[in-house]
Amino acid sequence: MSGNYYRFQKRLYEILEPAVYGDKTSRNSDLFFTALVIINVVSVTLESVHSLYDSYHQVFRYLEIVSVIIFTVEYFGRLWSAPSQDTTNQSVANNFKHRMGYVFSFNGLVDLVSIIPFYLQSIFPYLDLRILRTLRLLRILKLSYYNSAFKDLFEAIFEERKSFYAASYLFIVVLIVSSSLIYFAEHKVHPTGFKSIPGSMYWALITLTTVGYGDITPITAVGQFIAMMSAVFGVVVVALITGIVASSFNSQMERRKIIFEDQVRQALLDGVLDQNEKDALESLRKRFGMSKRRAEDMIEQLQLERNDETN
């Protein structure tokens, strides 16, 4: 009984987590939840169109109820199966640790925020909880389970954190200096737009990022000169930050290519790829987000090199 319990717990964890190569049940689960999240995001967006909401409010309501039931079951399923990550220690304390780890993880908080607005609205139906309804759009973050975009971004920033922090520091310095200078140059002749240094930071941020809405513009010659210099420094600093992140992303992709290539070389030591080796490479390809065509070309090229070496 105990063995069946742990096997079921582990299997549920495998199904709810991103699928490994060959696990069709887990793969279908990934596709189902991905589609459900996308449908929910589209639904919440369309609800803001009053004519559509008035005509199909019952459809929106039923979709929300069904979705919340599914997401609630998913949440408690993930919570219950979290301890199966560690099969060597099934103590109560260790199980509690893994469950709390899930609850306070990024994905756990996203899962909770995905269902909490519905229950709060049900408990407090007479309160204006429109902001909670808007929070349902955060369900799109549930896609981070099946897409490594956020993870890749954070890893890229972390890899170049010293350079990123330095560039961010420069940006903050330029933002504060620009806000202060424009305030002293413009607040007397433009009291509504530059009534304080913190209030001027809105203008400075928009100018430094070269967006330039034009809703607040300097009037004096000194203010216009400060605006021009702010725009120039903004281009430099923002380009520096963008370049750091882009360079780190590129380095990350190159490292993955090298790792995949090394795994292919290891698999080709005996001259052939058996099915287990193909499955392992396919799983690694998907985890690294490489295209199938690129992976196949790389394997084919390395096979040719291997044949040339042995002949």
C-alpha atoms as a PDB file:
ATOM      1  CA  MET A   1       0.000   0.000   0.000  1.00  0.00           C
ATOM      2  CA  SER A   2       2.784   2.348   0.994  1.00  0.00           C
ATOM      3  CA  GLY A   3       4.712   1.517  -2.179  1.00  0.00           C
ATOM      4  CA  ASN A   4       1.698   2.176  -4.394  1.00  0.00           C
ATOM      5  CA  TYR A   5       1.100   5.468  -2.579  1.00  0.00           C
ATOM      6  CA  TYR A   6       4.630   6.727  -3.265  1.00  0.00           C
ATOM      7  CA  ARG A   7       4.598   5.466  -6.843  1.00  0.00           C
ATOM      8  CA  PHE A   8       1.342   7.315  -7.521  1.00  0.00           C
ATOM      9  CA  GLN A   9       2.713  10.452  -5.844  1.00  0.00           C
ATOM     10  CA  LYS A  10       5.875  10.330  -7.948  1.00  0.00           C
ATOM     11  CA  ARG A  11       3.915   9.645 -11.132  1.00  0.00           C
ATOM     12  CA  LEU A  12       1.635  12.606 -10.489  1.00  0.00           C
ATOM     13  CA  TYR A  13       4.686  14.818  -9.963  1.00  0.00           C
ATOM     14  CA  GLU A  14       6.158  13.610 -13.275  1.00  0.00           C
ATOM     15  CA  ILE A  15       2.894  14.305 -15.114  1.00  0.00           C
ATOM     16  CA  LEU A  16       2.509  17.824 -13.727  1.00  0.00           C
ATOM     17  CA  GLU A  17       6.136  18.765 -14.326  1.00  0.00           C
ATOM     18  CA  PRO A  18       7.401  19.520 -17.866  1.00  0.00           C
ATOM     19  CA  ALA A  19       7.512  16.286 -19.840  1.00  0.00           C
ATOM     20  CA  VAL A  20      10.681  14.338 -20.442  1.00  0.00           C
ATOM     21  CA  TYR A  21      11.220  12.794 -23.835  1.00  0.00           C
ATOM     22  CA  GLY A  22       8.917   9.830 -24.430  1.00  0.00           C
ATOM     23  CA  ASP A  23       6.416  10.581 -21.634  1.00  0.00           C
ATOM     24  CA  LYS A  24       3.255  11.121 -23.712  1.00  0.00           C
ATOM     25  CA  THR A  25       0.949  11.495 -20.698  1.00  0.00           C
ATOM     26  CA  SER A  26       3.072  14.282 -19.254  1.00  0.00           C
ATOM     27  CA  ARG A  27       3.390  15.851 -22.702  1.00  0.00           C
ATOM     28  CA  ASN A  28      -0.391  15.874 -23.134  1.00  0.00           C
ATOM     29  CA  SER A  29      -0.706  17.414 -19.668  1.00  0.00           C
ATOM     30  CA  ASP A  30       1.713  20.183 -20.692  1.00  0.00           C
ATOM     31  CA  LEU A  31      -0.278  20.887 -23.858  1.00  0.00           C
ATOM     32  CA  PHE A  32      -3.576  20.890 -21.959  1.00  0.00           C
ATOM     33  CA  PHE A  33      -2.459  23.371 -19.304  1.00  0.00           C
ATOM     34  CA  THR A  34      -0.716  25.556 -21.872  1.00  0.00           C
ATOM     35  CA  ALA A  35      -3.912  25.756 -23.923  1.00  0.00           C
ATOM     36  CA  LEU A  36      -6.013  26.412 -20.813  1.00  0.00           C
ATOM     37  CA  VAL A  37      -3.754  29.268 -19.718  1.00  0.00           C
ATOM     38  CA  ILE A  38      -3.877  30.857 -23.182  1.00  0.00           C
ATOM     39  CA  ILE A  39      -7.676  30.530 -23.293  1.00  0.00           C
ATOM     40  CA  ASN A  40      -7.924  32.165 -19.859  1.00  0.00           C
ATOM     41  CA  VAL A  41      -5.689  35.078 -20.808  1.00  0.00           C
ATOM     42  CA  VAL A  42      -7.727  35.666 -23.974  1.00  0.00           C
ATOM     43  CA  SER A  43     -10.951  35.404 -21.936  1.00  0.00           C
ATOM     44  CA  VAL A  44      -9.861  37.931 -19.301  1.00  0.00           C
ATOM     45  CA  THR A  45      -8.728  40.288 -22.064  1.00  0.00           C
ATOM     46  CA  LEU A  46     -12.034  40.035 -23.948  1.00  0.00           C
ATOM     47  CA  GLU A  47     -14.017  40.604 -20.742  1.00  0.00           C
ATOM     48  CA  SER A  48     -12.799  44.208 -20.810  1.00  0.00           C
ATOM     49  CA  VAL A  49     -14.789  44.713 -24.045  1.00  0.00           C
ATOM     50  CA  HIS A  50     -18.147  45.688 -22.541  1.00  0.00           C
ATOM     51  CA  SER A  51     -20.229  44.683 -25.561  1.00  0.00           C
ATOM     52  CA  LEU A  52     -18.715  41.186 -25.566  1.00  0.00           C
ATOM     53  CA  TYR A  53     -19.022  40.810 -21.812  1.00  0.00           C
ATOM     54  CA  ASP A  54     -22.680  41.878 -21.832  1.00  0.00           C
ATOM     55  CA  SER A  55     -23.491  39.362 -24.562  1.00  0.00           C
ATOM     56  CA  TYR A  56     -21.445  36.404 -23.298  1.00  0.00           C
ATOM     57  CA  HIS A  57     -21.017  37.039 -19.562  1.00  0.00           C
ATOM     58  CA  GLN A  58     -22.393  33.570 -18.767  1.00  0.00           C
ATOM     59  CA  VAL A  59     -19.820  31.930 -21.038  1.00  0.00           C
ATOM     60  CA  PHE A  60     -17.050  33.916 -19.385  1.00  0.00           C
ATOM     61  CA  ARG A  61     -18.402  32.975 -15.953  1.00  0.00           C
ATOM     62  CA  TYR A  62     -18.614  29.234 -16.670  1.00  0.00           C
ATOM     63  CA  LEU A  63     -15.147  29.240 -18.244  1.00  0.00           C
ATOM     64  CA  GLU A  64     -13.767  30.926 -15.128  1.00  0.00           C
ATOM     65  CA  ILE A  65     -15.431  28.406 -12.788  1.00  0.00           C
ATOM     66  CA  VAL A  66     -14.188  25.385 -14.748  1.00  0.00           C
ATOM     67  CA  SER A  67     -10.700  26.874 -15.048  1.00  0.00           C
ATOM     68  CA  VAL A  68     -10.461  27.647 -11.332  1.00  0.00           C
ATOM     69  CA  ILE A  69     -11.555  24.110 -10.444  1.00  0.00           C
ATOM     70  CA  ILE A  70      -8.845  22.667 -12.721  1.00  0.00           C
ATOM     71  CA  PHE A  71      -6.167  25.080 -11.493  1.00  0.00           C
ATOM     72  CA  THR A  72      -7.134  24.364  -7.873  1.00  0.00           C
ATOM     73  CA  VAL A  73      -6.825  20.616  -8.403  1.00  0.00           C
ATOM     74  CA  GLU A  74      -3.478  21.237 -10.136  1.00  0.00           C
ATOM     75  CA  TYR A  75      -2.269  23.417  -7.241  1.00  0.00           C
ATOM     76  CA  PHE A  76      -3.070  20.847  -4.562  1.00  0.00           C
ATOM     77  CA  GLY A  77      -1.738  18.074  -6.812  1.00  0.00           C
ATOM     78  CA  ARG A  78       1.601  19.866  -7.065  1.00  0.00           C
ATOM     79  CA  LEU A  79       1.543  20.564  -3.331  1.00  0.00           C
ATOM     80  CA  TRP A  80       0.829  16.922  -2.469  1.00  0.00           C
ATOM     81  CA  SER A  81       3.368  15.445  -4.901  1.00  0.00           C
ATOM     82  CA  ALA A  82       6.197  17.907  -4.115  1.00  0.00           C
ATOM     83  CA  PRO A  83       7.944  15.532  -1.624  1.00  0.00           C
ATOM     84  CA  SER A  84       8.406  12.906  -4.358  1.00  0.00           C
ATOM     85  CA  GLN A  85      11.433  14.928  -5.552  1.00  0.00           C
ATOM     86  CA  ASP A  86      13.353  13.317  -2.702  1.00  0.00           C
ATOM     87  CA  THR A  87      12.687   9.577  -2.515  1.00  0.00           C
ATOM     88  CA  THR A  88      15.513   8.952  -0.045  1.00  0.00           C
ATOM     89  CA  ASN A  89      13.838  10.761   2.843  1.00  0.00           C
ATOM     90  CA  GLN A  90      10.080  10.412   3.380  1.00  0.00           C
ATOM     91  CA  SER A  91       9.963  11.858   6.897  1.00  0.00           C
ATOM     92  CA  VAL A  92       7.155  14.252   7.849  1.00  0.00           C
ATOM     93  CA  ALA A  93       9.627  17.106   8.336  1.00  0.00           C
ATOM     94  CA  ASN A  94      11.203  16.561   4.915  1.00  0.00           C
ATOM     95  CA  ASN A  95       7.798  16.328   3.210  1.00  0.00           C
ATOM     96  CA  PHE A  96       6.734  19.572   4.888  1.00  0.00           C
ATOM     97  CA  LYS A  97       9.959  21.236   3.758  1.00  0.00           C
ATOM     98  CA  HIS A  98       9.381  20.301   0.113  1.00  0.00           C
ATOM     99  CA  ARG A  99       5.744  21.406   0.223  1.00  0.00           C
ATOM    100  CA  MET A 100       6.640  24.779   1.740  1.00  0.00           C
ATOM    101  CA  GLY A 101       9.385  25.066  -0.858  1.00  0.00           C
ATOM    102  CA  TYR A 102       6.752  24.758  -3.571  1.00  0.00           C
ATOM    103  CA  VAL A 103       4.286  27.140  -1.853  1.00  0.00           C
ATOM    104  CA  PHE A 104       6.865  29.946  -1.623  1.00  0.00           C
ATOM    105  CA  SER A 105       8.560  29.290  -4.947  1.00  0.00           C
ATOM    106  CA  PHE A 106       7.946  31.555  -7.931  1.00  0.00           C
ATOM    107  CA  ASN A 107       5.772  28.966  -9.660  1.00  0.00           C
ATOM    108  CA  GLY A 108       3.906  28.170  -6.432  1.00  0.00           C
ATOM    109  CA  LEU A 109       3.042  31.839  -5.872  1.00  0.00           C
ATOM    110  CA  VAL A 110       1.919  32.175  -9.499  1.00  0.00           C
ATOM    111  CA  ASP A 111      -0.316  29.102  -9.105  1.00  0.00           C
ATOM    112  CA  LEU A 112      -1.849  30.567  -5.937  1.00  0.00           C
ATOM    113  CA  VAL A 113      -2.431  34.007  -7.470  1.00  0.00           C
ATOM    114  CA  SER A 114      -4.128  32.259 -10.406  1.00  0.00           C
ATOM    115  CA  ILE A 115      -6.964  30.972  -8.191  1.00  0.00           C
ATOM    116  CA  ILE A 116      -7.129  33.354  -5.192  1.00  0.00           C
ATOM    117  CA  PRO A 117      -9.044  36.194  -6.961  1.00  0.00           C
ATOM    118  CA  PHE A 118     -11.976  33.868  -7.709  1.00  0.00           C
ATOM    119  CA  TYR A 119     -12.325  32.718  -4.102  1.00  0.00           C
ATOM    120  CA  LEU A 120     -11.979  36.236  -2.699  1.00  0.00           C
ATOM    121  CA  GLN A 121     -14.691  37.463  -5.055  1.00  0.00           C
ATOM    122  CA  SER A 122     -16.913  34.589  -3.961  1.00  0.00           C
ATOM    123  CA  ILE A 123     -16.361  35.348  -0.258  1.00  0.00           C
ATOM    124  CA  PHE A 124     -16.713  39.129  -0.630  1.00  0.00           C
ATOM    125  CA  PRO A 125     -19.200  39.558  -3.533  1.00  0.00           C
ATOM    126  CA  TYR A 126     -20.185  43.121  -2.578  1.00  0.00           C
ATOM    127  CA  LEU A 127     -16.689  44.554  -2.571  1.00  0.00           C
ATOM    128  CA  ASP A 128     -15.113  46.215  -5.595  1.00  0.00           C
ATOM    129  CA  LEU A 129     -12.428  43.682  -6.415  1.00  0.00           C
ATOM    130  CA  ARG A 130     -11.743  44.647 -10.022  1.00  0.00           C
ATOM    131  CA  ILE A 131      -8.012  44.700  -9.342  1.00  0.00           C
ATOM    132  CA  LEU A 132      -8.261  41.043  -8.295  1.00  0.00           C
ATOM    133  CA  ARG A 133     -10.004  40.209 -11.559  1.00  0.00           C
ATOM    134  CA  THR A 134      -7.133  41.867 -13.394  1.00  0.00           C
ATOM    135  CA  LEU A 135      -4.687  39.687 -11.444  1.00  0.00           C
ATOM    136  CA  ARG A 136      -6.089  36.721 -13.341  1.00  0.00           C
ATOM    137  CA  LEU A 137      -3.933  37.897 -16.259  1.00  0.00           C
ATOM    138  CA  LEU A 138      -0.947  36.725 -14.222  1.00  0.00           C
ATOM    139  CA  ARG A 139      -1.992  33.214 -15.192  1.00  0.00           C
ATOM    140  CA  ILE A 140       0.127  33.775 -18.263  1.00  0.00           C
ATOM    141  CA  LEU A 141       3.135  33.350 -15.955  1.00  0.00           C
ATOM    142  CA  LYS A 142       2.092  29.715 -15.511  1.00  0.00           C
ATOM    143  CA  LEU A 143       3.557  29.173 -18.969  1.00  0.00           C
ATOM    144  CA  SER A 144       6.982  29.566 -17.337  1.00  0.00           C
ATOM    145  CA  TYR A 145       6.582  25.896 -16.336  1.00  0.00           C
ATOM    146  CA  TYR A 146       6.871  24.929 -19.998  1.00  0.00           C
ATOM    147  CA  ASN A 147       9.007  27.762 -21.342  1.00  0.00           C
ATOM    148  CA  SER A 148      12.446  28.707 -20.055  1.00  0.00           C
ATOM    149  CA  ALA A 149      12.306  32.353 -21.201  1.00  0.00           C
ATOM    150  CA  PHE A 150      12.200  33.847 -17.693  1.00  0.00           C
ATOM    151  CA  LYS A 151      14.796  31.403 -16.422  1.00  0.00           C
ATOM    152  CA  ASP A 152      17.073  32.199 -19.353  1.00  0.00           C
ATOM    153  CA  LEU A 153      16.681  35.931 -18.738  1.00  0.00           C
ATOM    154  CA  PHE A 154      17.482  35.682 -15.031  1.00  0.00           C
ATOM    155  CA  GLU A 155      20.429  33.370 -15.728  1.00  0.00           C
ATOM    156  CA  ALA A 156      21.761  35.799 -18.338  1.00  0.00           C
ATOM    157  CA  ILE A 157      21.527  38.707 -15.899  1.00  0.00           C
ATOM    158  CA  PHE A 158      23.057  36.644 -13.089  1.00  0.00           C
ATOM    159  CA  GLU A 159      25.984  35.566 -15.275  1.00  0.00           C
ATOM    160  CA  GLU A 160      26.794  39.204 -16.039  1.00  0.00           C
ATOM    161  CA  ARG A 161      25.512  40.604 -12.757  1.00  0.00           C
ATOM    162  CA  LYS A 162      28.579  42.748 -12.041  1.00  0.00           C
ATOM    163  CA  SER A 163      28.408  44.442 -15.428  1.00  0.00           C
ATOM    164  CA  PHE A 164      24.619  44.679 -15.191  1.00  0.00           C
ATOM    165  CA  TYR A 165      24.778  46.250 -11.723  1.00  0.00           C
ATOM    166  CA  ALA A 166      27.407  48.732 -12.914  1.00  0.00           C
ATOM    167  CA  ALA A 167      25.322  49.759 -15.930  1.00  0.00           C
ATOM    168  CA  SER A 168      22.179  49.981 -13.782  1.00  0.00           C
ATOM    169  CA  TYR A 169      24.054  52.168 -11.301  1.00  0.00           C
ATOM    170  CA  LEU A 170      25.043  54.512 -14.128  1.00  0.00           C
ATOM    171  CA  PHE A 171      21.439  54.652 -15.302  1.00  0.00           C
ATOM    172  CA  ILE A 172      20.179  55.534 -11.798  1.00  0.00           C
ATOM    173  CA  VAL A 173      22.832  58.263 -11.452  1.00  0.00           C
ATOM    174  CA  VAL A 174      21.899  59.773 -14.811  1.00  0.00           C
ATOM    175  CA  LEU A 175      18.194  59.526 -13.897  1.00  0.00           C
ATOM    176  CA  ILE A 176      18.658  61.385 -10.594  1.00  0.00           C
ATOM    177  CA  VAL A 177      20.967  64.048 -12.058  1.00  0.00           C
ATOM    178  CA  SER A 178      18.676  64.608 -15.040  1.00  0.00           C
ATOM    179  CA  SER A 179      15.589  64.867 -12.808  1.00  0.00           C
ATOM    180  CA  SER A 180      17.309  67.311 -10.466  1.00  0.00           C
ATOM    181  CA  LEU A 181      18.658  69.564 -13.224  1.00  0.00           C
ATOM    182  CA  ILE A 182      15.360  69.723 -15.113  1.00  0.00           C
ATOM    183  CA  TYR A 183      13.501  70.496 -11.891  1.00  0.00           C
ATOM    184  CA  PHE A 184      15.704  73.489 -11.057  1.00  0.00           C
ATOM    185  CA  ALA A 185      15.604  74.693 -14.668  1.00  0.00           C
ATOM    186  CA  GLU A 186      11.845  74.354 -15.226  1.00  0.00           C
ATOM    187  CA  HIS A 187       9.814  74.282 -11.995  1.00  0.00           C
ATOM    188  CA  LYS A 188       9.224  78.051 -11.883  1.00  0.00           C
ATOM    189  CA  VAL A 189       7.955  78.342 -15.470  1.00  0.00           C
ATOM    190  CA  HIS A 190       6.473  74.849 -15.672  1.00  0.00           C
ATOM    191  CA  PRO A 191       5.094  74.147 -12.177  1.00  0.00           C
ATOM    192  CA  THR A 192       2.625  71.421 -13.185  1.00  0.00           C
ATOM    193  CA  GLY A 193       5.077  69.237 -15.095  1.00  0.00           C
ATOM    194  CA  PHE A 194       8.155  69.668 -12.910  1.00  0.00           C
ATOM    195  CA  LYS A 195       6.733  70.421  -9.464  1.00  0.00           C
ATOM    196  CA  SER A 196       9.290  68.237  -7.619  1.00  0.00           C
ATOM    197  CA  ILE A 197      12.396  66.133  -8.268  1.00  0.00           C
ATOM    198  CA  PRO A 198      10.505  62.838  -7.778  1.00  0.00           C
ATOM    199  CA  GLY A 199       7.773  64.173 -10.075  1.00  0.00           C
ATOM    200  CA  SER A 200      10.410  65.056 -12.665  1.00  0.00           C
ATOM    201  CA  MET A 201      11.698  61.488 -12.661  1.00  0.00           C
ATOM    202  CA  TYR A 202       8.780  60.447 -14.868  1.00  0.00           C
ATOM    203  CA  TRP A 203       9.945  62.869 -17.551  1.00  0.00           C
ATOM    204  CA  ALA A 204      13.579  61.850 -17.067  1.00  0.00           C
ATOM    205  CA  LEU A 205      12.832  58.132 -17.367  1.00  0.00           C
ATOM    206  CA  ILE A 206      10.775  58.608 -20.536  1.00  0.00           C
ATOM    207  CA  THR A 207      13.522  60.794 -22.016  1.00  0.00           C
ATOM    208  CA  LEU A 208      16.417  58.521 -21.047  1.00  0.00           C
ATOM    209  CA  THR A 209      14.713  55.496 -22.591  1.00  0.00           C
ATOM    210  CA  THR A 210      14.132  57.617 -25.749  1.00  0.00           C
ATOM    211  CA  VAL A 211      10.379  56.963 -25.664  1.00  0.00           C
ATOM    212  CA  GLY A 212       9.499  60.663 -25.467  1.00  0.00           C
ATOM    213  CA  TYR A 213       5.721  60.827 -25.072  1.00  0.00           C
ATOM    214  CA  GLY A 214       5.794  64.612 -25.391  1.00  0.00           C
ATOM    215  CA  ASP A 215       3.168  65.151 -22.663  1.00  0.00           C
ATOM    216  CA  ILE A 216       5.722  67.142 -20.620  1.00  0.00           C
ATOM    217  CA  THR A 217       8.287  69.248 -22.481  1.00  0.00           C
ATOM    218  CA  PRO A 218      10.849  71.800 -21.281  1.00  0.00           C
ATOM    219  CA  ILE A 219      10.159  75.430 -22.083  1.00  0.00           C
ATOM    220  CA  THR A 220      13.392  77.242 -21.205  1.00  0.00           C
ATOM    221  CA  ALA A 221      16.583  77.078 -23.266  1.00  0.00           C
ATOM    222  CA  VAL A 222      18.449  75.543 -20.330  1.00  0.00           C
ATOM    223  CA  GLY A 223      15.727  72.929 -19.908  1.00  0.00           C
ATOM    224  CA  GLN A 224      15.824  72.035 -23.588  1.00  0.00           C
ATOM    225  CA  PHE A 225      19.619  71.652 -23.435  1.00  0.00           C
ATOM    226  CA  ILE A 226      19.263  69.341 -20.409  1.00  0.00           C
ATOM    227  CA  ALA A 227      16.673  67.344 -22.360  1.00  0.00           C
ATOM    228  CA  MET A 228      19.049  66.900 -25.291  1.00  0.00           C
ATOM    229  CA  MET A 229      21.920  65.803 -23.052  1.00  0.00           C
ATOM    230  CA  SER A 230      19.602  63.435 -21.165  1.00  0.00           C
ATOM    231  CA  ALA A 231      18.533  61.819 -24.424  1.00  0.00           C
ATOM    232  CA  VAL A 232      22.156  61.349 -25.498  1.00  0.00           C
ATOM    233  CA  PHE A 233      23.207  59.815 -22.167  1.00  0.00           C
ATOM    234  CA  GLY A 234      20.049  57.696 -22.212  1.00  0.00           C
ATOM    235  CA  VAL A 235      20.945  56.171 -25.569  1.00  0.00           C
ATOM    236  CA  VAL A 236      24.419  55.292 -24.292  1.00  0.00           C
ATOM    237  CA  VAL A 237      23.376  53.807 -20.942  1.00  0.00           C
ATOM    238  CA  VAL A 238      20.318  51.908 -22.220  1.00  0.00           C
ATOM    239  CA  ALA A 239      22.373  50.504 -25.112  1.00  0.00           C
ATOM    240  CA  LEU A 240      24.985  49.416 -22.575  1.00  0.00           C
ATOM    241  CA  ILE A 241      22.407  47.524 -20.484  1.00  0.00           C
ATOM    242  CA  THR A 242      20.822  45.984 -23.584  1.00  0.00           C
ATOM    243  CA  GLY A 243      24.204  44.936 -24.917  1.00  0.00           C
ATOM    244  CA  ILE A 244      25.176  43.256 -21.645  1.00  0.00           C
ATOM    245  CA  VAL A 245      21.985  41.175 -21.553  1.00  0.00           C
ATOM    246  CA  ALA A 246      22.159  40.339 -25.279  1.00  0.00           C
ATOM    247  CA  SER A 247      25.808  39.296 -24.996  1.00  0.00           C
ATOM    248  CA  SER A 248      25.043  37.092 -21.989  1.00  0.00           C
ATOM    249  CA  PHE A 249      22.129  35.482 -23.846  1.00  0.00           C
ATOM    250  CA  ASN A 250      24.384  34.736 -26.809  1.00  0.00           C
ATOM    251  CA  SER A 251      27.061  33.246 -24.539  1.00  0.00           C
ATOM    252  CA  GLN A 252      24.418  31.084 -22.895  1.00  0.00           C
ATOM    253  CA  MET A 253      23.283  29.725 -26.262  1.00  0.00           C
ATOM    254  CA  GLU A 254      26.888  29.015 -27.256  1.00  0.00           C
ATOM    255  CA  ARG A 255      27.489  27.112 -24.002  1.00  0.00           C
ATOM    256  CA  ARG A 256      24.420  24.983 -24.657  1.00  0.00           C
ATOM    257  CA  LYS A 257      25.645  24.258 -28.169  1.00  0.00           C
ATOM    258  CA  ILE A 258      29.026  23.156 -26.794  1.00  0.00           C
ATOM    259  CA  ILE A 259      27.390  20.940 -24.142  1.00  0.00           C
ATOM    260  CA  PHE A 260      25.092  19.329 -26.726  1.00  0.00           C
ATOM    261  CA  GLU A 261      28.004  18.813 -29.117  1.00  0.00           C
ATOM    262  CA  ASP A 262      30.056  17.218 -26.344  1.00  0.00           C
ATOM    263  CA  GLN A 263      27.191  14.834 -25.514  1.00  0.00           C
ATOM    264  CA  VAL A 264      26.920  13.835 -29.181  1.00  0.00           C
ATOM    265  CA  ARG A 265      30.667  13.154 -29.323  1.00  0.00           C
ATOM    266  CA  GLN A 266      30.429  10.994 -26.197  1.00  0.00           C
ATOM    267  CA  ALA A 267      27.519   9.056 -27.678  1.00  0.00           C
ATOM    268  CA  LEU A 268      29.473   8.493 -30.932  1.00  0.00           C
ATOM    269  CA  LEU A 269      32.536   7.000 -29.250  1.00  0.00           C
ATOM    270  CA  ASP A 270      31.396   3.518 -30.273  1.00  0.00           C
ATOM    271  CA  GLY A 271      30.549   4.743 -33.768  1.00  0.00           C
ATOM    272  CA  VAL A 272      26.747   4.404 -33.561  1.00  0.00           C
ATOM    273  CA  LEU A 273      23.819   5.979 -31.749  1.00  0.00           C
ATOM    274  CA  ASP A 274      21.550   3.453 -30.046  1.00  0.00           C
ATOM    275  CA  GLN A 275      17.951   4.266 -29.128  1.00  0.00           C
ATOM    276  CA  ASN A 276      18.766   5.208 -25.527  1.00  0.00           C
ATOM    277  CA  GLU A 277      21.414   7.659 -26.701  1.00  0.00           C
ATOM    278  CA  LYS A 278      19.010   9.150 -29.246  1.00  0.00           C
ATOM    279  CA  ASP A 279      16.365   9.563 -26.541  1.00  0.00           C
ATOM    280  CA  ALA A 280      18.858  11.241 -24.202  1.00  0.00           C
ATOM    281  CA  LEU A 281      19.998  13.647 -26.932  1.00  0.00           C
ATOM    282  CA  GLU A 282      16.400  14.442 -27.861  1.00  0.00           C
ATOM    283  CA  SER A 283      15.590  15.206 -24.232  1.00  0.00           C
ATOM    284  CA  LEU A 284      18.662  17.479 -23.991  1.00  0.00           C
ATOM    285  CA  ARG A 285      17.726  19.208 -27.251  1.00  0.00           C
ATOM    286  CA  LYS A 286      14.271  20.051 -25.950  1.00  0.00           C
ATOM    287  CA  ARG A 287      15.641  21.233 -22.603  1.00  0.00           C
ATOM    288  CA  PHE A 288      18.066  23.551 -24.387  1.00  0.00           C
ATOM    289  CA  GLY A 289      15.387  24.812 -26.776  1.00  0.00           C
ATOM    290  CA  MET A 290      17.349  23.848 -29.886  1.00  0.00           C
ATOM    291  CA  SER A 291      15.521  23.348 -33.150  1.00  0.00           C
ATOM    292  CA  LYS A 292      15.242  19.763 -34.391  1.00  0.00           C
ATOM    293  CA  ARG A 293      16.829  20.694 -37.715  1.00  0.00           C
ATOM    294  CA  ARG A 294      19.843  22.286 -36.032  1.00  0.00           C
ATOM    295  CA  ALA A 295      20.367  19.307 -33.731  1.00  0.00           C
ATOM    296  CA  GLU A 296      20.086  16.839 -36.623  1.00  0.00           C
ATOM    297  CA  ASP A 297      22.569  18.841 -38.715  1.00  0.00           C
ATOM    298  CA  MET A 298      25.019  18.904 -35.807  1.00  0.00           C
ATOM    299  CA  ILE A 299      24.689  15.143 -35.235  1.00  0.00           C
ATOM    300  CA  GLU A 300      25.103  14.446 -38.949  1.00  0.00           C
ATOM    301  CA  GLN A 301      28.207  16.647 -39.138  1.00  0.00           C
ATOM    302  CA  LEU A 302      29.788  14.985 -36.108  1.00  0.00           C
ATOM    303  CA  GLN A 303      28.995  11.529 -37.508  1.00  0.00           C
ATOM    304  CA  LEU A 304      30.789  12.463 -40.729  1.00  0.00           C
ATOM    305  CA  GLU A 305      33.781  13.737 -38.754  1.00  0.00           C
ATOM    306  CA  ARG A 306      33.785  10.519 -36.728  1.00  0.00           C
ATOM    307  CA  ASN A 307      33.705   8.394 -39.897  1.00  0.00           C
ATOM    308  CA  ASP A 308      36.562  10.393 -41.423  1.00  0.00           C
ATOM    309  CA  GLU A 309      38.665   9.848 -38.300  1.00  0.00           C
ATOM    310  CA  THR A 310      38.121   6.080 -38.300  1.00  0.00           C
ATOM    311  CA  ASN A 311      38.724   5.599 -42.049  1.00  0.00           C
END
